[in-house]
Amino acid sequence: MTIQPVPRQRRHTLYFLREIRAFSPVHLDTEVDMTQVMAHRGAAALDARRYSVVTYVLHAAARVLERHPQANSAIRGTVWPKVIQHSSVNGKLTLDKTIGGQRVVVAPVLRDLQKASLDDIQRLVDRFRDGDPERMPELAGVRALHRKRWPFAPRAFRKVARPLPKRAAVFGTFAVTSLGHRPVDGFHSVGGTTVTLGLGRVLDRAVVRGGAVAVAPVMRLSLTFDHRVIDGAEAADLLGELKDDLERLALVPASNGHAGAAACADPATATATAGAPGNERGHAAAGAPRTGRREDRA
């Protein structure tokens, strides 16, 4: 038996978990008929285009949150709490990566997703899925945190993560995390945002359509919300609308690229200091070869 310090590559996760202790989580879940999504993915693959399941969820969730600005908010404080309502919808995507030989979660923030097409979002997902976390400039801040010693590293993290005006860039305004690459039907996670979405695997299940039993690809979708910011009724509306949008698959046409990834060299950079406490890896998007560990269906 050996006892040793926590690897420095995991410290950003510890700082993050310490920072979100005030979170008051409540958990909801539903099942989504993914027939339209999987059909769209299959058709795109025939045309040599790749889309991840998480990309569809990021796309749909951004539009739902734009309709629910109270859920697209953040809170800070106990005695005199303050809430900020974000002007943009930024999605945080957790990714399973290796830094310095250690398997860790990093979480890039994808900005302005309410303006982004499916193709815009997929380009960002591809970049972070396939990028080297030890070289990507967007992850320079998390690497700098690893080099700092205690107590300077947690202080640097708090300096950037705590101010409400910086929260959308640091944590995103909602988080998406997935374990669908494994036999996981559903799970709940706290991503440091008012709303965190958890994706299970897509699996053929029995569904009822027009009074008859049929087989359809179904995904378990969970939503964890911070009860300090919104209540269960609004969270249920949000989850229901997200389910409907995924099942109807209303897509925004391809654009020249509205969405962006937050990039910063600060020791507690917005792009990758805060990963949800899940450890995600996954399969390639439709038509893509497997090239090592990556976020589920990214």
Protein backbone atom coordinates (compact mmCIF):
# COMPACT_ATOMS: atom_id res chain seq x y z
CA MET A 1 0.00 0.00 0.00
CA THR A 2 1.31 3.43 -0.94
CA ILE A 3 0.10 6.89 -0.03
CA GLN A 4 1.14 9.73 -2.30
CA PRO A 5 0.01 13.24 -3.22
CA VAL A 6 -2.78 13.74 -5.70
CA PRO A 7 -1.22 14.07 -9.17
CA ARG A 8 -0.85 17.70 -10.14
CA GLN A 9 -2.79 17.02 -13.37
CA ARG A 10 -5.93 16.35 -11.28
CA ARG A 11 -5.71 19.47 -9.16
CA HIS A 12 -7.93 21.59 -11.40
CA THR A 13 -10.74 19.11 -10.76
CA LEU A 14 -10.24 19.38 -7.00
CA TYR A 15 -10.33 23.19 -7.16
CA PHE A 16 -13.52 23.01 -9.21
CA LEU A 17 -15.26 20.59 -6.84
CA ARG A 18 -14.36 22.77 -3.88
CA GLU A 19 -15.76 25.82 -5.65
CA ILE A 20 -19.19 24.30 -6.36
CA ARG A 21 -19.93 23.01 -2.84
CA ALA A 22 -22.72 25.58 -2.41
CA PHE A 23 -24.64 24.07 -5.33
CA SER A 24 -28.14 22.79 -4.40
CA PRO A 25 -28.77 20.00 -6.92
CA VAL A 26 -32.11 18.55 -7.92
CA HIS A 27 -32.24 15.78 -10.54
CA LEU A 28 -34.69 15.12 -13.35
CA ASP A 29 -34.57 12.70 -16.27
CA THR A 30 -36.51 11.64 -19.34
CA GLU A 31 -36.19 9.40 -22.37
CA VAL A 32 -35.69 10.84 -25.84
CA ASP A 33 -36.72 9.08 -29.04
CA MET A 34 -33.59 9.59 -31.14
CA THR A 35 -35.07 8.32 -34.42
CA GLN A 36 -34.77 11.66 -36.21
CA VAL A 37 -31.28 12.34 -34.84
CA MET A 38 -29.94 8.94 -35.82
CA ALA A 39 -31.53 9.18 -39.28
CA HIS A 40 -29.94 12.58 -39.81
CA ARG A 41 -26.56 11.25 -38.66
CA GLY A 42 -26.81 8.29 -40.99
CA ALA A 43 -27.73 10.43 -43.99
CA ALA A 44 -24.90 12.85 -43.20
CA ALA A 45 -22.41 9.98 -42.98
CA LEU A 46 -23.31 8.94 -46.51
CA ASP A 47 -22.35 12.46 -47.57
CA ALA A 48 -19.05 12.24 -45.61
CA ARG A 49 -20.31 14.60 -42.89
CA ARG A 50 -19.90 13.69 -39.24
CA TYR A 51 -22.16 14.73 -36.38
CA SER A 52 -21.88 13.73 -32.73
CA VAL A 53 -24.87 13.07 -30.51
CA VAL A 54 -23.48 15.66 -28.08
CA THR A 55 -23.49 18.18 -30.92
CA TYR A 56 -27.24 17.75 -31.39
CA VAL A 57 -27.75 18.19 -27.66
CA LEU A 58 -25.56 21.30 -27.48
CA HIS A 59 -27.42 22.77 -30.45
CA ALA A 60 -30.90 22.09 -29.07
CA ALA A 61 -30.07 23.02 -25.48
CA ALA A 62 -28.69 26.42 -26.48
CA ARG A 63 -31.98 27.34 -28.14
CA VAL A 64 -34.04 26.09 -25.22
CA LEU A 65 -31.95 28.07 -22.74
CA GLU A 66 -32.30 31.18 -24.88
CA ARG A 67 -36.06 30.81 -24.30
CA HIS A 68 -35.47 30.36 -20.56
CA PRO A 69 -33.13 33.20 -19.55
CA GLN A 70 -33.60 32.56 -15.84
CA ALA A 71 -32.04 29.12 -16.30
CA ASN A 72 -29.22 30.71 -18.27
CA SER A 73 -28.01 32.45 -15.12
CA ALA A 74 -25.51 32.02 -12.29
CA ILE A 75 -25.63 32.78 -8.58
CA ARG A 76 -23.04 33.70 -5.97
CA GLY A 77 -23.22 34.56 -2.28
CA THR A 78 -25.08 33.33 0.80
CA VAL A 79 -26.05 36.27 3.03
CA TRP A 80 -26.64 38.66 0.11
CA PRO A 81 -26.75 36.40 -2.94
CA LYS A 82 -26.59 37.92 -6.39
CA VAL A 83 -27.71 36.45 -9.72
CA ILE A 84 -26.40 37.30 -13.16
CA GLN A 85 -28.45 36.60 -16.29
CA HIS A 86 -26.05 35.83 -19.11
CA SER A 87 -26.44 37.54 -22.47
CA SER A 88 -25.05 34.56 -24.40
CA VAL A 89 -25.54 30.82 -24.16
CA ASN A 90 -22.18 29.09 -23.65
CA GLY A 91 -21.96 25.32 -23.47
CA LYS A 92 -19.33 23.52 -21.44
CA LEU A 93 -18.43 20.10 -22.80
CA THR A 94 -16.55 17.61 -20.64
CA LEU A 95 -13.85 15.58 -22.36
CA ASP A 96 -11.74 12.65 -21.27
CA LYS A 97 -8.10 13.50 -21.98
CA THR A 98 -4.59 12.54 -20.92
CA ILE A 99 -2.19 15.18 -19.60
CA GLY A 100 1.25 14.23 -18.34
CA GLY A 101 0.30 10.56 -18.36
CA GLN A 102 -2.77 11.15 -16.16
CA ARG A 103 -6.32 10.58 -17.35
CA VAL A 104 -8.28 13.72 -16.50
CA VAL A 105 -11.42 15.63 -17.43
CA VAL A 106 -11.10 18.97 -19.19
CA ALA A 107 -14.07 21.11 -20.13
CA PRO A 108 -13.79 23.61 -22.97
CA VAL A 109 -16.44 26.31 -23.14
CA LEU A 110 -18.13 26.79 -26.52
CA ARG A 111 -19.44 30.33 -26.76
CA ASP A 112 -22.56 31.84 -28.34
CA LEU A 113 -24.15 28.52 -29.18
CA GLN A 114 -27.56 30.16 -29.53
CA LYS A 115 -26.27 31.60 -32.83
CA ALA A 116 -24.47 28.50 -34.04
CA SER A 117 -25.55 25.95 -36.64
CA LEU A 118 -25.02 22.24 -36.18
CA ASP A 119 -21.95 22.48 -38.42
CA ASP A 120 -20.51 25.36 -36.39
CA ILE A 121 -20.81 23.33 -33.21
CA GLN A 122 -19.44 20.15 -34.75
CA ARG A 123 -16.32 21.99 -35.90
CA LEU A 124 -15.65 23.07 -32.31
CA VAL A 125 -16.36 19.59 -30.94
CA ASP A 126 -13.98 18.09 -33.50
CA ARG A 127 -11.26 20.55 -32.56
CA PHE A 128 -11.36 19.74 -28.88
CA ARG A 129 -12.02 16.04 -29.35
CA ASP A 130 -9.01 15.54 -31.59
CA GLY A 131 -6.69 18.20 -30.17
CA ASP A 132 -3.66 17.49 -28.00
CA PRO A 133 -4.45 18.85 -24.51
CA GLU A 134 -0.75 19.35 -23.84
CA ARG A 135 -0.43 21.70 -26.80
CA MET A 136 -3.79 23.37 -27.41
CA PRO A 137 -3.60 27.10 -26.63
CA GLU A 138 -7.16 27.04 -25.24
CA LEU A 139 -5.95 24.70 -22.49
CA ALA A 140 -2.88 26.72 -21.55
CA GLY A 141 -4.55 27.93 -18.37
CA VAL A 142 -5.21 24.49 -16.95
CA ARG A 143 -1.60 23.49 -17.66
CA ALA A 144 -0.43 26.65 -15.89
CA LEU A 145 -2.55 25.69 -12.87
CA HIS A 146 -0.80 22.34 -12.74
CA ARG A 147 2.59 24.05 -12.55
CA LYS A 148 1.61 26.40 -9.72
CA ARG A 149 2.17 25.37 -6.12
CA TRP A 150 -0.26 25.47 -3.24
CA PRO A 151 -1.66 27.92 -2.13
CA PHE A 152 -1.08 29.95 -5.30
CA ALA A 153 -2.92 27.60 -7.65
CA PRO A 154 -6.28 27.53 -5.79
CA ARG A 155 -6.05 31.28 -5.31
CA ALA A 156 -5.54 31.75 -9.05
CA PHE A 157 -8.53 29.53 -9.74
CA ARG A 158 -10.79 31.41 -7.33
CA LYS A 159 -9.71 34.77 -8.72
CA VAL A 160 -11.01 33.87 -12.15
CA ALA A 161 -13.87 31.50 -11.29
CA ARG A 162 -15.72 33.47 -8.60
CA PRO A 163 -16.64 36.83 -10.17
CA LEU A 164 -20.12 36.58 -11.71
CA PRO A 165 -19.21 38.59 -14.85
CA LYS A 166 -16.56 35.95 -15.68
CA ARG A 167 -18.72 32.94 -14.93
CA ALA A 168 -20.08 32.40 -18.46
CA ALA A 169 -16.55 32.24 -19.87
CA VAL A 170 -15.13 30.11 -17.05
CA PHE A 171 -17.89 27.56 -16.41
CA GLY A 172 -20.19 28.16 -19.37
CA THR A 173 -23.88 28.84 -18.85
CA PHE A 174 -24.83 25.16 -19.12
CA ALA A 175 -22.86 21.92 -19.16
CA VAL A 176 -23.11 18.70 -21.17
CA THR A 177 -21.46 15.48 -20.07
CA SER A 178 -21.84 11.99 -21.55
CA LEU A 179 -21.09 8.40 -20.60
CA GLY A 180 -22.94 6.85 -23.52
CA HIS A 181 -19.86 5.07 -24.82
CA ARG A 182 -20.24 2.56 -21.99
CA PRO A 183 -23.28 0.50 -20.91
CA VAL A 184 -24.56 3.46 -18.90
CA ASP A 185 -28.24 4.21 -19.37
CA GLY A 186 -28.31 7.35 -17.26
CA PHE A 187 -26.48 9.36 -14.63
CA HIS A 188 -26.53 12.76 -12.97
CA SER A 189 -23.66 15.23 -12.73
CA VAL A 190 -23.06 18.73 -11.40
CA GLY A 191 -21.14 20.82 -13.91
CA GLY A 192 -20.99 24.06 -11.94
CA THR A 193 -23.75 25.66 -14.04
CA THR A 194 -27.42 26.17 -13.20
CA VAL A 195 -28.25 23.38 -15.67
CA THR A 196 -26.14 20.28 -16.37
CA LEU A 197 -27.25 17.70 -18.93
CA GLY A 198 -26.16 14.05 -18.69
CA LEU A 199 -26.31 11.76 -21.73
CA GLY A 200 -26.62 8.00 -21.49
CA ARG A 201 -26.22 5.51 -24.32
CA VAL A 202 -28.56 5.36 -27.32
CA LEU A 203 -30.16 1.93 -27.28
CA ASP A 204 -32.98 0.27 -29.23
CA ARG A 205 -35.98 0.05 -26.91
CA ALA A 206 -39.66 -0.67 -27.14
CA VAL A 207 -41.80 2.43 -27.68
CA VAL A 208 -45.53 2.90 -28.25
CA ARG A 209 -46.60 4.74 -31.41
CA GLY A 210 -50.25 5.06 -32.32
CA GLY A 211 -51.17 2.33 -29.86
CA ALA A 212 -48.68 -0.15 -31.32
CA VAL A 213 -45.35 -1.28 -29.92
CA ALA A 214 -42.33 -0.42 -32.07
CA VAL A 215 -38.56 -0.43 -31.69
CA ALA A 216 -36.72 2.90 -31.67
CA PRO A 217 -33.32 4.27 -30.62
CA VAL A 218 -33.83 5.87 -27.21
CA MET A 219 -31.47 7.93 -25.06
CA ARG A 220 -31.83 8.63 -21.36
CA LEU A 221 -31.32 12.36 -20.79
CA SER A 222 -30.82 13.75 -17.29
CA LEU A 223 -30.97 17.33 -16.10
CA THR A 224 -29.46 18.52 -12.83
CA PHE A 225 -30.42 22.05 -11.81
CA ASP A 226 -29.38 24.43 -9.06
CA HIS A 227 -32.46 24.99 -6.89
CA ARG A 228 -31.03 28.30 -5.72
CA VAL A 229 -31.59 29.74 -9.22
CA ILE A 230 -34.65 28.00 -10.67
CA ASP A 231 -37.44 25.76 -9.43
CA GLY A 232 -38.57 22.34 -10.52
CA ALA A 233 -41.43 23.55 -12.72
CA GLU A 234 -39.14 25.61 -14.96
CA ALA A 235 -36.53 22.85 -15.03
CA ALA A 236 -39.22 20.38 -16.10
CA ASP A 237 -40.37 22.75 -18.85
CA LEU A 238 -36.78 23.09 -20.03
CA LEU A 239 -36.23 19.33 -20.11
CA GLY A 240 -39.53 18.77 -21.91
CA GLU A 241 -38.74 21.36 -24.57
CA LEU A 242 -35.28 19.89 -25.08
CA LYS A 243 -36.78 16.43 -25.53
CA ASP A 244 -39.30 17.81 -28.06
CA ASP A 245 -36.64 19.72 -30.00
CA LEU A 246 -34.40 16.65 -30.27
CA GLU A 247 -37.29 14.47 -31.39
CA ARG A 248 -38.44 17.04 -33.96
CA LEU A 249 -34.86 17.91 -34.93
CA ALA A 250 -35.30 21.56 -35.86
CA LEU A 251 -31.88 22.56 -37.24
CA VAL A 252 -30.36 25.93 -38.02
CA PRO A 253 -28.77 26.06 -41.51
CA ALA A 254 -25.00 25.99 -41.79
CA SER A 255 -23.35 29.36 -41.34
CA ASN A 256 -19.93 30.93 -41.62
CA GLY A 257 -19.30 30.19 -37.97
CA HIS A 258 -20.88 32.16 -35.14
CA ALA A 259 -19.77 29.99 -32.27
CA GLY A 260 -16.34 30.26 -30.74
CA ALA A 261 -14.22 28.61 -28.10
CA ALA A 262 -13.04 30.64 -25.17
CA ALA A 263 -9.27 31.00 -25.30
CA CYS A 264 -7.14 32.47 -22.56
CA ALA A 265 -3.67 32.00 -21.14
CA ASP A 266 -4.66 32.96 -17.60
CA PRO A 267 -3.58 30.43 -14.94
CA ALA A 268 -7.25 29.76 -14.27
CA THR A 269 -8.46 30.04 -17.82
CA ALA A 270 -12.10 29.84 -18.67
CA THR A 271 -11.77 27.01 -21.12
CA ALA A 272 -10.66 24.05 -19.10
CA THR A 273 -10.42 24.49 -15.37
CA ALA A 274 -13.77 23.00 -14.52
CA GLY A 275 -14.83 19.51 -15.50
CA ALA A 276 -18.03 17.88 -14.32
CA PRO A 277 -17.32 14.99 -11.98
CA GLY A 278 -17.83 12.44 -14.71
CA ASN A 279 -14.97 10.98 -16.74
CA GLU A 280 -16.04 10.87 -20.35
CA ARG A 281 -14.61 9.12 -23.33
CA GLY A 282 -16.42 7.80 -26.33
CA HIS A 283 -16.93 6.70 -29.88
CA ALA A 284 -16.35 8.62 -33.05
CA ALA A 285 -19.03 10.58 -34.81
CA ALA A 286 -20.81 8.95 -37.70
CA GLY A 287 -18.37 8.00 -40.39
CA ALA A 288 -15.27 8.84 -38.33
CA PRO A 289 -12.51 6.36 -37.47
CA ARG A 290 -11.60 5.61 -33.88
CA THR A 291 -8.41 7.39 -32.94
CA GLY A 292 -8.10 6.90 -29.20
CA ARG A 293 -9.95 8.26 -26.20
CA ARG A 294 -12.45 11.01 -26.67
CA GLU A 295 -15.68 12.36 -25.32
CA ASP A 296 -18.71 10.23 -25.97
CA ARG A 297 -19.99 10.47 -29.52
CA ALA A 298 -17.89 13.57 -30.11
